Amino acid sequence: MPCGLIYTALTLALVAESPIHGGLVMFCFGLGTLPAVVGMTVFNSQLNQQLKNNKIRLLFGAVIVIMALYQLYLTYQKFTGFQQ
C-alpha cells in the first residue's frame, strides 16, 4: 500500500486548476521523493550486511524489548494516575 503522502499529493493534483498543473504536482512529488527512495535502496543493502552479524541482531532485539518495557511502564503510569 502506498504511504499517506501519496494520497495528499494525489488530492492536490486532483483539485489543481488544470490537468497540466495536476501532472506537474505529481511530477514534483516524484522528484521530491526520488532522493529518499534511492537513499533507502543504498542503505538497505548496507543494513542487510550488518544484520548478518549476530551481535548487532542481539543488540537490536534488546533495544526493542527495552522500548516495549518502557511503553508498558508509561501505560501503567497513565492507567494508575501515577505522577512523578
Protein backbone atom coordinates (compact mmCIF):
# COMPACT_ATOMS: atom_id res chain seq x y z
CA MET A 1 0.00 0.00 0.00
CA PRO A 2 1.22 3.48 -0.76
CA CYS A 3 2.10 5.81 2.07
CA GLY A 4 -0.22 8.58 3.18
CA LEU A 5 1.87 11.26 1.49
CA ILE A 6 0.93 9.99 -1.96
CA TYR A 7 -2.76 10.44 -1.15
CA THR A 8 -2.09 14.05 -0.18
CA ALA A 9 -0.23 14.67 -3.44
CA LEU A 10 -2.97 12.94 -5.45
CA THR A 11 -5.64 15.06 -3.76
CA LEU A 12 -3.67 18.22 -4.50
CA ALA A 13 -3.26 17.12 -8.12
CA LEU A 14 -6.97 16.33 -8.34
CA VAL A 15 -8.02 19.83 -7.28
CA ALA A 16 -5.41 21.56 -9.45
CA GLU A 17 -6.83 24.09 -11.90
CA SER A 18 -5.86 22.07 -14.97
CA PRO A 19 -4.63 18.59 -15.89
CA ILE A 20 -1.24 20.11 -16.71
CA HIS A 21 -0.93 21.57 -13.22
CA GLY A 22 -2.05 18.27 -11.72
CA GLY A 23 0.60 16.48 -13.71
CA LEU A 24 3.21 18.99 -12.56
CA VAL A 25 2.18 18.41 -8.93
CA MET A 26 2.71 14.67 -9.33
CA PHE A 27 5.97 15.19 -11.23
CA CYS A 28 7.33 17.44 -8.46
CA PHE A 29 6.20 14.95 -5.84
CA GLY A 30 8.09 12.23 -7.69
CA LEU A 31 11.22 14.38 -7.91
CA GLY A 32 10.96 15.20 -4.22
CA THR A 33 10.69 11.57 -3.14
CA LEU A 34 13.34 10.23 -5.52
CA PRO A 35 16.37 11.01 -3.27
CA ALA A 36 14.74 9.25 -0.33
CA VAL A 37 13.87 6.17 -2.39
CA VAL A 38 17.36 5.93 -3.89
CA GLY A 39 18.97 6.57 -0.49
CA MET A 40 16.93 3.83 1.16
CA THR A 41 17.91 1.39 -1.59
CA VAL A 42 21.59 2.02 -0.86
CA PHE A 43 21.05 1.95 2.90
CA ASN A 44 19.06 -1.28 2.69
CA SER A 45 21.93 -3.23 1.14
CA GLN A 46 24.32 -1.99 3.83
CA LEU A 47 21.82 -2.77 6.57
CA ASN A 48 21.36 -6.33 5.30
CA GLN A 49 25.11 -6.85 5.51
CA GLN A 50 25.20 -5.54 9.08
CA LEU A 51 22.24 -7.67 10.17
CA LYS A 52 24.17 -10.84 9.39
CA ASN A 53 26.24 -10.07 12.49
CA ASN A 54 24.65 -11.88 15.46
CA LYS A 55 25.83 -9.25 17.96
CA ILE A 56 24.03 -6.50 16.06
CA ARG A 57 20.86 -8.61 15.84
CA LEU A 58 21.03 -9.24 19.59
CA LEU A 59 21.53 -5.51 20.22
CA PHE A 60 18.54 -4.57 18.05
CA GLY A 61 16.41 -7.19 19.79
CA ALA A 62 17.42 -5.88 23.21
CA VAL A 63 16.57 -2.31 22.17
CA ILE A 64 13.12 -3.42 21.01
CA VAL A 65 12.48 -5.26 24.30
CA ILE A 66 13.63 -2.24 26.33
CA MET A 67 11.39 0.08 24.32
CA ALA A 68 8.43 -2.27 24.81
CA LEU A 69 9.01 -2.42 28.56
CA TYR A 70 9.23 1.36 28.70
CA GLN A 71 5.94 1.71 26.84
CA LEU A 72 4.30 -0.75 29.25
CA TYR A 73 5.66 1.30 32.16
CA LEU A 74 4.22 4.52 30.67
CA THR A 75 0.87 2.81 30.09
CA TYR A 76 0.83 1.55 33.68
CA GLN A 77 1.54 5.07 34.92
CA LYS A 78 -1.27 6.50 32.83
CA PHE A 79 -3.84 3.97 33.99
CA THR A 80 -2.92 4.21 37.66
CA GLY A 81 -2.75 8.02 37.61
CA PHE A 82 0.84 7.97 38.89
CA GLN A 83 2.53 11.39 38.57
CA GLN A 84 6.23 11.94 39.02
